[in-house]
PDB file of all heavy atoms in Angstrom:
ATOM      1  N   CYS A   1       0.803  -1.170   0.013  1.00  0.00           N
ATOM      2  CA  CYS A   1       0.007   0.012  -0.002  1.00  0.00           C
ATOM      3  C   CYS A   1       0.834   1.295  -0.002  1.00  0.00           C
ATOM      4  O   CYS A   1       0.506   2.229  -0.664  1.00  0.00           O
ATOM      5  CB  CYS A   1      -0.941  -0.049   1.215  1.00  0.00           C
ATOM      6  SG  CYS A   1      -2.251   1.088   1.153  1.00  0.00           S
ATOM      7  N   ARG A   2       1.996   1.326   0.762  1.00  0.00           N
ATOM      8  CA  ARG A   2       2.727   2.524   0.915  1.00  0.00           C
ATOM      9  C   ARG A   2       3.309   3.122  -0.330  1.00  0.00           C
ATOM     10  O   ARG A   2       3.182   4.339  -0.630  1.00  0.00           O
ATOM     11  CB  ARG A   2       3.867   2.308   1.907  1.00  0.00           C
ATOM     12  CG  ARG A   2       3.598   2.992   3.210  1.00  0.00           C
ATOM     13  CD  ARG A   2       4.754   2.947   4.148  1.00  0.00           C
ATOM     14  NE  ARG A   2       4.172   2.758   5.495  1.00  0.00           N
ATOM     15  CZ  ARG A   2       4.682   2.120   6.409  1.00  0.00           C
ATOM     16  NH1 ARG A   2       5.816   1.451   6.232  1.00  0.00           N
ATOM     17  NH2 ARG A   2       4.081   1.951   7.560  1.00  0.00           N
ATOM     18  N   PRO A   3       3.924   2.351  -1.205  1.00  0.00           N
ATOM     19  CA  PRO A   3       4.527   2.933  -2.415  1.00  0.00           C
ATOM     20  C   PRO A   3       3.517   3.272  -3.532  1.00  0.00           C
ATOM     21  O   PRO A   3       3.907   3.904  -4.511  1.00  0.00           O
ATOM     22  CB  PRO A   3       5.475   1.899  -2.947  1.00  0.00           C
ATOM     23  CG  PRO A   3       4.991   0.584  -2.344  1.00  0.00           C
ATOM     24  CD  PRO A   3       4.287   0.912  -1.096  1.00  0.00           C
ATOM     25  N   CYS A   4       2.284   2.995  -3.364  1.00  0.00           N
ATOM     26  CA  CYS A   4       1.255   3.233  -4.405  1.00  0.00           C
ATOM     27  C   CYS A   4       1.080   4.715  -4.627  1.00  0.00           C
ATOM     28  O   CYS A   4       0.911   5.496  -3.684  1.00  0.00           O
ATOM     29  CB  CYS A   4      -0.083   2.613  -4.029  1.00  0.00           C
ATOM     30  SG  CYS A   4      -1.389   2.876  -5.173  1.00  0.00           S
ATOM     31  N   PRO A   5       1.132   5.199  -5.929  1.00  0.00           N
ATOM     32  CA  PRO A   5       0.986   6.620  -6.193  1.00  0.00           C
ATOM     33  C   PRO A   5      -0.393   7.149  -5.887  1.00  0.00           C
ATOM     34  O   PRO A   5      -0.545   8.358  -5.772  1.00  0.00           O
ATOM     35  CB  PRO A   5       1.369   6.725  -7.649  1.00  0.00           C
ATOM     36  CG  PRO A   5       1.174   5.435  -8.241  1.00  0.00           C
ATOM     37  CD  PRO A   5       1.457   4.377  -7.136  1.00  0.00           C
ATOM     38  N   LEU A   6      -1.388   6.249  -5.811  1.00  0.00           N
ATOM     39  CA  LEU A   6      -2.779   6.761  -5.621  1.00  0.00           C
ATOM     40  C   LEU A   6      -3.223   6.570  -4.151  1.00  0.00           C
ATOM     41  O   LEU A   6      -4.356   6.659  -3.820  1.00  0.00           O
ATOM     42  CB  LEU A   6      -3.737   5.942  -6.491  1.00  0.00           C
ATOM     43  CG  LEU A   6      -3.505   6.179  -8.011  1.00  0.00           C
ATOM     44  CD1 LEU A   6      -4.438   5.234  -8.755  1.00  0.00           C
ATOM     45  CD2 LEU A   6      -3.633   7.598  -8.414  1.00  0.00           C
ATOM     46  N   ARG A   7      -2.240   6.320  -3.247  1.00  0.00           N
ATOM     47  CA  ARG A   7      -2.572   6.043  -1.824  1.00  0.00           C
ATOM     48  C   ARG A   7      -3.407   7.186  -1.203  1.00  0.00           C
ATOM     49  O   ARG A   7      -4.249   6.940  -0.378  1.00  0.00           O
ATOM     50  CB  ARG A   7      -1.242   5.797  -1.070  1.00  0.00           C
ATOM     51  CG  ARG A   7      -1.487   5.363   0.342  1.00  0.00           C
ATOM     52  CD  ARG A   7      -0.214   4.928   0.921  1.00  0.00           C
ATOM     53  NE  ARG A   7      -0.396   4.310   2.243  1.00  0.00           N
ATOM     54  CZ  ARG A   7      -0.506   4.989   3.381  1.00  0.00           C
ATOM     55  NH1 ARG A   7      -0.435   6.348   3.347  1.00  0.00           N
ATOM     56  NH2 ARG A   7      -0.686   4.375   4.527  1.00  0.00           N
ATOM     57  N   ASP A   8      -3.010   8.479  -1.498  1.00  0.00           N
ATOM     58  CA  ASP A   8      -3.697   9.615  -0.850  1.00  0.00           C
ATOM     59  C   ASP A   8      -5.184   9.617  -1.215  1.00  0.00           C
ATOM     60  O   ASP A   8      -6.032  10.110  -0.461  1.00  0.00           O
ATOM     61  CB  ASP A   8      -3.056  10.907  -1.381  1.00  0.00           C
ATOM     62  CG  ASP A   8      -1.628  11.054  -0.928  1.00  0.00           C
ATOM     63  OD1 ASP A   8      -1.173  10.192  -0.025  1.00  0.00           O
ATOM     64  OD2 ASP A   8      -0.942  11.916  -1.471  1.00  0.00           O
ATOM     65  N   GLN A   9      -5.535   9.119  -2.424  1.00  0.00           N
ATOM     66  CA  GLN A   9      -7.008   9.028  -2.808  1.00  0.00           C
ATOM     67  C   GLN A   9      -7.652   7.858  -2.202  1.00  0.00           C
ATOM     68  O   GLN A   9      -8.901   7.833  -2.172  1.00  0.00           O
ATOM     69  CB  GLN A   9      -7.078   8.999  -4.314  1.00  0.00           C
ATOM     70  CG  GLN A   9      -6.506  10.238  -4.982  1.00  0.00           C
ATOM     71  CD  GLN A   9      -6.467  10.053  -6.525  1.00  0.00           C
ATOM     72  OE1 GLN A   9      -7.051   9.098  -7.062  1.00  0.00           O
ATOM     73  NE2 GLN A   9      -5.822  10.997  -7.191  1.00  0.00           N
ATOM     74  N   CYS A  10      -6.960   6.902  -1.725  1.00  0.00           N
ATOM     75  CA  CYS A  10      -7.489   5.634  -1.251  1.00  0.00           C
ATOM     76  C   CYS A  10      -7.712   5.587   0.270  1.00  0.00           C
ATOM     77  O   CYS A  10      -8.757   5.121   0.751  1.00  0.00           O
ATOM     78  CB  CYS A  10      -6.548   4.509  -1.674  1.00  0.00           C
ATOM     79  SG  CYS A  10      -7.155   2.882  -1.293  1.00  0.00           S
ATOM     80  N   THR A  11      -6.763   6.169   1.013  1.00  0.00           N
ATOM     81  CA  THR A  11      -6.795   6.084   2.503  1.00  0.00           C
ATOM     82  C   THR A  11      -6.192   7.256   3.103  1.00  0.00           C
ATOM     83  O   THR A  11      -5.266   7.883   2.490  1.00  0.00           O
ATOM     84  CB  THR A  11      -6.194   4.795   3.001  1.00  0.00           C
ATOM     85  OG1 THR A  11      -6.321   4.699   4.391  1.00  0.00           O
ATOM     86  CG2 THR A  11      -4.694   4.705   2.694  1.00  0.00           C
ATOM     87  N   SER A  12      -6.545   7.633   4.369  1.00  0.00           N
ATOM     88  CA  SER A  12      -5.910   8.684   5.103  1.00  0.00           C
ATOM     89  C   SER A  12      -5.032   8.053   6.215  1.00  0.00           C
ATOM     90  O   SER A  12      -4.505   8.789   6.977  1.00  0.00           O
ATOM     91  CB  SER A  12      -6.920   9.603   5.659  1.00  0.00           C
ATOM     92  OG  SER A  12      -7.791   8.953   6.562  1.00  0.00           O
ATOM     93  N   SER A  13      -4.951   6.791   6.264  1.00  0.00           N
ATOM     94  CA  SER A  13      -4.208   6.101   7.327  1.00  0.00           C
ATOM     95  C   SER A  13      -2.732   6.403   7.118  1.00  0.00           C
ATOM     96  O   SER A  13      -2.135   6.220   6.001  1.00  0.00           O
ATOM     97  CB  SER A  13      -4.416   4.585   7.262  1.00  0.00           C
ATOM     98  OG  SER A  13      -3.584   3.862   8.114  1.00  0.00           O
ATOM     99  N   LYS A  14      -2.061   6.844   8.157  1.00  0.00           N
ATOM    100  CA  LYS A  14      -0.672   7.179   8.098  1.00  0.00           C
ATOM    101  C   LYS A  14       0.254   5.944   8.240  1.00  0.00           C
ATOM    102  O   LYS A  14       1.103   5.630   7.445  1.00  0.00           O
ATOM    103  CB  LYS A  14      -0.207   8.198   9.162  1.00  0.00           C
ATOM    104  CG  LYS A  14      -1.024   9.536   8.990  1.00  0.00           C
ATOM    105  CD  LYS A  14      -0.638  10.237   7.746  1.00  0.00           C
ATOM    106  CE  LYS A  14      -1.403  11.471   7.641  1.00  0.00           C
ATOM    107  NZ  LYS A  14      -1.656  11.938   6.287  1.00  0.00           N
ATOM    108  N   PRO A  15       0.023   5.141   9.275  1.00  0.00           N
ATOM    109  CA  PRO A  15       1.011   4.024   9.542  1.00  0.00           C
ATOM    110  C   PRO A  15       0.752   2.777   8.640  1.00  0.00           C
ATOM    111  O   PRO A  15       1.651   2.116   8.346  1.00  0.00           O
ATOM    112  CB  PRO A  15       0.824   3.729  11.021  1.00  0.00           C
ATOM    113  CG  PRO A  15      -0.579   4.044  11.295  1.00  0.00           C
ATOM    114  CD  PRO A  15      -0.908   5.260  10.441  1.00  0.00           C
ATOM    115  N   GLY A  16      -0.527   2.457   8.341  1.00  0.00           N
ATOM    116  CA  GLY A  16      -0.810   1.207   7.744  1.00  0.00           C
ATOM    117  C   GLY A  16      -1.418   1.324   6.382  1.00  0.00           C
ATOM    118  O   GLY A  16      -1.419   2.349   5.766  1.00  0.00           O
ATOM    119  N   GLY A  17      -1.901   0.188   5.927  1.00  0.00           N
ATOM    120  CA  GLY A  17      -2.593   0.123   4.624  1.00  0.00           C
ATOM    121  C   GLY A  17      -4.109   0.335   4.815  1.00  0.00           C
ATOM    122  O   GLY A  17      -4.590   0.631   5.898  1.00  0.00           O
ATOM    123  N   ARG A  18      -4.774   0.147   3.704  1.00  0.00           N
ATOM    124  CA  ARG A  18      -6.258   0.399   3.674  1.00  0.00           C
ATOM    125  C   ARG A  18      -6.945  -0.886   4.211  1.00  0.00           C
ATOM    126  O   ARG A  18      -6.479  -1.985   3.992  1.00  0.00           O
ATOM    127  CB  ARG A  18      -6.723   0.660   2.217  1.00  0.00           C
ATOM    128  CG  ARG A  18      -8.138   0.857   2.217  1.00  0.00           C
ATOM    129  CD  ARG A  18      -8.576   1.265   0.893  1.00  0.00           C
ATOM    130  NE  ARG A  18     -10.035   1.501   0.946  1.00  0.00           N
ATOM    131  CZ  ARG A  18     -10.663   2.371   0.227  1.00  0.00           C
ATOM    132  NH1 ARG A  18     -10.032   3.130  -0.621  1.00  0.00           N
ATOM    133  NH2 ARG A  18     -11.950   2.515   0.354  1.00  0.00           N
ATOM    134  N   THR A  19      -8.056  -0.647   4.904  1.00  0.00           N
ATOM    135  CA  THR A  19      -8.818  -1.694   5.441  1.00  0.00           C
ATOM    136  C   THR A  19     -10.222  -1.598   4.803  1.00  0.00           C
ATOM    137  O   THR A  19     -10.771  -0.533   4.780  1.00  0.00           O
ATOM    138  CB  THR A  19      -8.966  -1.585   6.980  1.00  0.00           C
ATOM    139  OG1 THR A  19      -7.709  -1.592   7.516  1.00  0.00           O
ATOM    140  CG2 THR A  19      -9.759  -2.714   7.599  1.00  0.00           C
ATOM    141  N   LEU A  20     -10.724  -2.752   4.346  1.00  0.00           N
ATOM    142  CA  LEU A  20     -12.017  -2.776   3.752  1.00  0.00           C
ATOM    143  C   LEU A  20     -12.934  -3.577   4.587  1.00  0.00           C
ATOM    144  O   LEU A  20     -12.556  -4.641   5.096  1.00  0.00           O
ATOM    145  CB  LEU A  20     -11.980  -3.415   2.325  1.00  0.00           C
ATOM    146  CG  LEU A  20     -11.166  -2.706   1.261  1.00  0.00           C
ATOM    147  CD1 LEU A  20     -11.188  -3.487  -0.027  1.00  0.00           C
ATOM    148  CD2 LEU A  20     -11.809  -1.320   1.018  1.00  0.00           C
ATOM    149  N   SER A  21     -14.142  -3.065   4.848  1.00  0.00           N
ATOM    150  CA  SER A  21     -15.174  -3.812   5.574  1.00  0.00           C
ATOM    151  C   SER A  21     -16.217  -4.154   4.548  1.00  0.00           C
ATOM    152  O   SER A  21     -16.901  -3.383   3.997  1.00  0.00           O
ATOM    153  CB  SER A  21     -15.775  -3.005   6.635  1.00  0.00           C
ATOM    154  OG  SER A  21     -14.799  -2.592   7.568  1.00  0.00           O
ATOM    155  N   LEU A  22     -16.443  -5.476   4.316  1.00  0.00           N
ATOM    156  CA  LEU A  22     -17.434  -5.951   3.453  1.00  0.00           C
ATOM    157  C   LEU A  22     -18.640  -6.531   4.198  1.00  0.00           C
ATOM    158  O   LEU A  22     -18.499  -7.350   5.066  1.00  0.00           O
ATOM    159  CB  LEU A  22     -16.802  -7.032   2.561  1.00  0.00           C
ATOM    160  CG  LEU A  22     -15.631  -6.598   1.726  1.00  0.00           C
ATOM    161  CD1 LEU A  22     -15.018  -7.816   0.971  1.00  0.00           C
ATOM    162  CD2 LEU A  22     -15.997  -5.461   0.803  1.00  0.00           C
ATOM    163  N   GLN A  23     -19.781  -6.045   3.831  1.00  0.00           N
ATOM    164  CA  GLN A  23     -21.021  -6.417   4.457  1.00  0.00           C
ATOM    165  C   GLN A  23     -21.684  -7.551   3.602  1.00  0.00           C
ATOM    166  O   GLN A  23     -21.414  -7.580   2.430  1.00  0.00           O
ATOM    167  CB  GLN A  23     -22.038  -5.292   4.586  1.00  0.00           C
ATOM    168  CG  GLN A  23     -21.493  -4.119   5.309  1.00  0.00           C
ATOM    169  CD  GLN A  23     -21.441  -4.395   6.846  1.00  0.00           C
ATOM    170  OE1 GLN A  23     -22.008  -5.280   7.357  1.00  0.00           O
ATOM    171  NE2 GLN A  23     -20.619  -3.511   7.509  1.00  0.00           N
ATOM    172  N   PRO A  24     -22.547  -8.347   4.165  1.00  0.00           N
ATOM    173  CA  PRO A  24     -23.362  -9.274   3.362  1.00  0.00           C
ATOM    174  C   PRO A  24     -24.180  -8.449   2.393  1.00  0.00           C
ATOM    175  O   PRO A  24     -24.527  -7.293   2.615  1.00  0.00           O
ATOM    176  CB  PRO A  24     -24.280  -9.995   4.319  1.00  0.00           C
ATOM    177  CG  PRO A  24     -23.595  -9.895   5.621  1.00  0.00           C
ATOM    178  CD  PRO A  24     -22.786  -8.596   5.595  1.00  0.00           C
ATOM    179  N   ARG A  25     -24.478  -9.007   1.179  1.00  0.00           N
ATOM    180  CA  ARG A  25     -25.195  -8.293   0.121  1.00  0.00           C
ATOM    181  C   ARG A  25     -26.448  -7.683   0.516  1.00  0.00           C
ATOM    182  O   ARG A  25     -26.681  -6.440   0.286  1.00  0.00           O
ATOM    183  CB  ARG A  25     -25.492  -9.186  -1.014  1.00  0.00           C
ATOM    184  CG  ARG A  25     -26.143  -8.529  -2.203  1.00  0.00           C
ATOM    185  CD  ARG A  25     -26.494  -9.498  -3.301  1.00  0.00           C
ATOM    186  NE  ARG A  25     -25.259 -10.103  -3.770  1.00  0.00           N
ATOM    187  CZ  ARG A  25     -24.762  -9.926  -4.954  1.00  0.00           C
ATOM    188  NH1 ARG A  25     -25.348  -9.128  -5.831  1.00  0.00           N
ATOM    189  NH2 ARG A  25     -23.628 -10.457  -5.358  1.00  0.00           N
ATOM    190  N   GLU A  26     -27.286  -8.290   1.393  1.00  0.00           N
ATOM    191  CA  GLU A  26     -28.582  -7.751   1.793  1.00  0.00           C
ATOM    192  C   GLU A  26     -28.318  -6.445   2.657  1.00  0.00           C
ATOM    193  O   GLU A  26     -29.012  -5.494   2.527  1.00  0.00           O
ATOM    194  CB  GLU A  26     -29.412  -8.771   2.595  1.00  0.00           C
ATOM    195  CG  GLU A  26     -29.790 -10.001   1.782  1.00  0.00           C
ATOM    196  CD  GLU A  26     -28.696 -11.048   1.671  1.00  0.00           C
ATOM    197  OE1 GLU A  26     -27.785 -10.980   2.578  1.00  0.00           O
ATOM    198  OE2 GLU A  26     -28.697 -11.838   0.764  1.00  0.00           O
ATOM    199  N   VAL A  27     -27.404  -6.578   3.588  1.00  0.00           N
ATOM    200  CA  VAL A  27     -27.059  -5.441   4.478  1.00  0.00           C
ATOM    201  C   VAL A  27     -26.592  -4.269   3.666  1.00  0.00           C
ATOM    202  O   VAL A  27     -26.937  -3.152   3.916  1.00  0.00           O
ATOM    203  CB  VAL A  27     -26.096  -5.933   5.565  1.00  0.00           C
ATOM    204  CG1 VAL A  27     -25.666  -4.733   6.372  1.00  0.00           C
ATOM    205  CG2 VAL A  27     -26.682  -6.974   6.476  1.00  0.00           C
ATOM    206  N   GLN A  28     -25.650  -4.542   2.713  1.00  0.00           N
ATOM    207  CA  GLN A  28     -25.091  -3.492   1.892  1.00  0.00           C
ATOM    208  C   GLN A  28     -26.167  -2.797   1.061  1.00  0.00           C
ATOM    209  O   GLN A  28     -26.148  -1.589   0.902  1.00  0.00           O
ATOM    210  CB  GLN A  28     -24.012  -4.004   1.016  1.00  0.00           C
ATOM    211  CG  GLN A  28     -23.233  -2.953   0.252  1.00  0.00           C
ATOM    212  CD  GLN A  28     -22.527  -1.972   1.191  1.00  0.00           C
ATOM    213  OE1 GLN A  28     -21.860  -2.367   2.174  1.00  0.00           O
ATOM    214  NE2 GLN A  28     -22.610  -0.716   0.954  1.00  0.00           N
ATOM    215  N   GLU A  29     -27.138  -3.577   0.541  1.00  0.00           N
ATOM    216  CA  GLU A  29     -28.207  -2.991  -0.262  1.00  0.00           C
ATOM    217  C   GLU A  29     -29.085  -2.037   0.599  1.00  0.00           C
ATOM    218  O   GLU A  29     -29.526  -0.974   0.153  1.00  0.00           O
ATOM    219  CB  GLU A  29     -29.014  -4.082  -0.950  1.00  0.00           C
ATOM    220  CG  GLU A  29     -28.270  -4.746  -2.081  1.00  0.00           C
ATOM    221  CD  GLU A  29     -29.043  -5.962  -2.587  1.00  0.00           C
ATOM    222  OE1 GLU A  29     -30.041  -6.385  -2.028  1.00  0.00           O
ATOM    223  OE2 GLU A  29     -28.570  -6.520  -3.637  1.00  0.00           O
ATOM    224  N   VAL A  30     -29.371  -2.529   1.835  1.00  0.00           N
ATOM    225  CA  VAL A  30     -30.156  -1.687   2.741  1.00  0.00           C
ATOM    226  C   VAL A  30     -29.424  -0.389   3.025  1.00  0.00           C
ATOM    227  O   VAL A  30     -29.988   0.735   3.010  1.00  0.00           O
ATOM    228  CB  VAL A  30     -30.506  -2.461   4.005  1.00  0.00           C
ATOM    229  CG1 VAL A  30     -31.159  -1.526   5.044  1.00  0.00           C
ATOM    230  CG2 VAL A  30     -31.505  -3.620   3.634  1.00  0.00           C
ATOM    231  N   LEU A  31     -28.115  -0.460   3.336  1.00  0.00           N
ATOM    232  CA  LEU A  31     -27.302   0.752   3.633  1.00  0.00           C
ATOM    233  C   LEU A  31     -27.272   1.691   2.406  1.00  0.00           C
ATOM    234  O   LEU A  31     -27.420   2.848   2.590  1.00  0.00           O
ATOM    235  CB  LEU A  31     -25.887   0.353   3.977  1.00  0.00           C
ATOM    236  CG  LEU A  31     -25.712  -0.263   5.349  1.00  0.00           C
ATOM    237  CD1 LEU A  31     -24.253  -0.811   5.471  1.00  0.00           C
ATOM    238  CD2 LEU A  31     -25.917   0.782   6.421  1.00  0.00           C
ATOM    239  N   ASP A  32     -27.165   1.131   1.197  1.00  0.00           N
ATOM    240  CA  ASP A  32     -27.106   1.970   0.037  1.00  0.00           C
ATOM    241  C   ASP A  32     -28.435   2.702  -0.212  1.00  0.00           C
ATOM    242  O   ASP A  32     -28.444   3.876  -0.523  1.00  0.00           O
ATOM    243  CB  ASP A  32     -26.807   1.133  -1.206  1.00  0.00           C
ATOM    244  CG  ASP A  32     -25.368   0.624  -1.208  1.00  0.00           C
ATOM    245  OD1 ASP A  32     -24.574   1.183  -0.485  1.00  0.00           O
ATOM    246  OD2 ASP A  32     -25.109  -0.323  -1.940  1.00  0.00           O
ATOM    247  N   ARG A  33     -29.595   2.052   0.061  1.00  0.00           N
ATOM    248  CA  ARG A  33     -30.881   2.673  -0.119  1.00  0.00           C
ATOM    249  C   ARG A  33     -31.040   3.738   0.936  1.00  0.00           C
ATOM    250  O   ARG A  33     -31.530   4.879   0.655  1.00  0.00           O
ATOM    251  CB  ARG A  33     -32.033   1.668   0.027  1.00  0.00           C
ATOM    252  CG  ARG A  33     -32.208   0.843  -1.257  1.00  0.00           C
ATOM    253  CD  ARG A  33     -33.555   0.140  -1.214  1.00  0.00           C
ATOM    254  NE  ARG A  33     -33.787  -0.764  -0.070  1.00  0.00           N
ATOM    255  CZ  ARG A  33     -33.389  -1.989  -0.101  1.00  0.00           C
ATOM    256  NH1 ARG A  33     -32.785  -2.577  -1.163  1.00  0.00           N
ATOM    257  NH2 ARG A  33     -33.533  -2.805   0.993  1.00  0.00           N
ATOM    258  N   ALA A  34     -30.638   3.477   2.136  1.00  0.00           N
ATOM    259  CA  ALA A  34     -30.726   4.471   3.237  1.00  0.00           C
ATOM    260  C   ALA A  34     -29.924   5.746   2.949  1.00  0.00           C
ATOM    261  O   ALA A  34     -30.327   6.881   3.143  1.00  0.00           O
ATOM    262  CB  ALA A  34     -30.356   3.880   4.589  1.00  0.00           C
ATOM    263  N   ARG A  35     -28.698   5.492   2.407  1.00  0.00           N
ATOM    264  CA  ARG A  35     -27.824   6.676   2.126  1.00  0.00           C
ATOM    265  C   ARG A  35     -28.422   7.438   0.959  1.00  0.00           C
ATOM    266  O   ARG A  35     -28.193   8.637   0.906  1.00  0.00           O
ATOM    267  CB  ARG A  35     -26.420   6.139   1.785  1.00  0.00           C
ATOM    268  CG  ARG A  35     -25.682   5.628   3.014  1.00  0.00           C
ATOM    269  CD  ARG A  35     -24.310   5.109   2.679  1.00  0.00           C
ATOM    270  NE  ARG A  35     -23.697   4.625   3.943  1.00  0.00           N
ATOM    271  CZ  ARG A  35     -22.991   3.557   4.013  1.00  0.00           C
ATOM    272  NH1 ARG A  35     -22.737   2.815   2.921  1.00  0.00           N
ATOM    273  NH2 ARG A  35     -22.423   3.086   5.128  1.00  0.00           N
TER     274      ARG A  35
END
């Protein structure tokens, strides 16, 4: 993650890499509709 030239657009984390949280499809669809 650190040497990637697009890191600033991907994460604001200083020490580590990017973390992704993946929800089950049904939960993600409900969240998307609510947003």
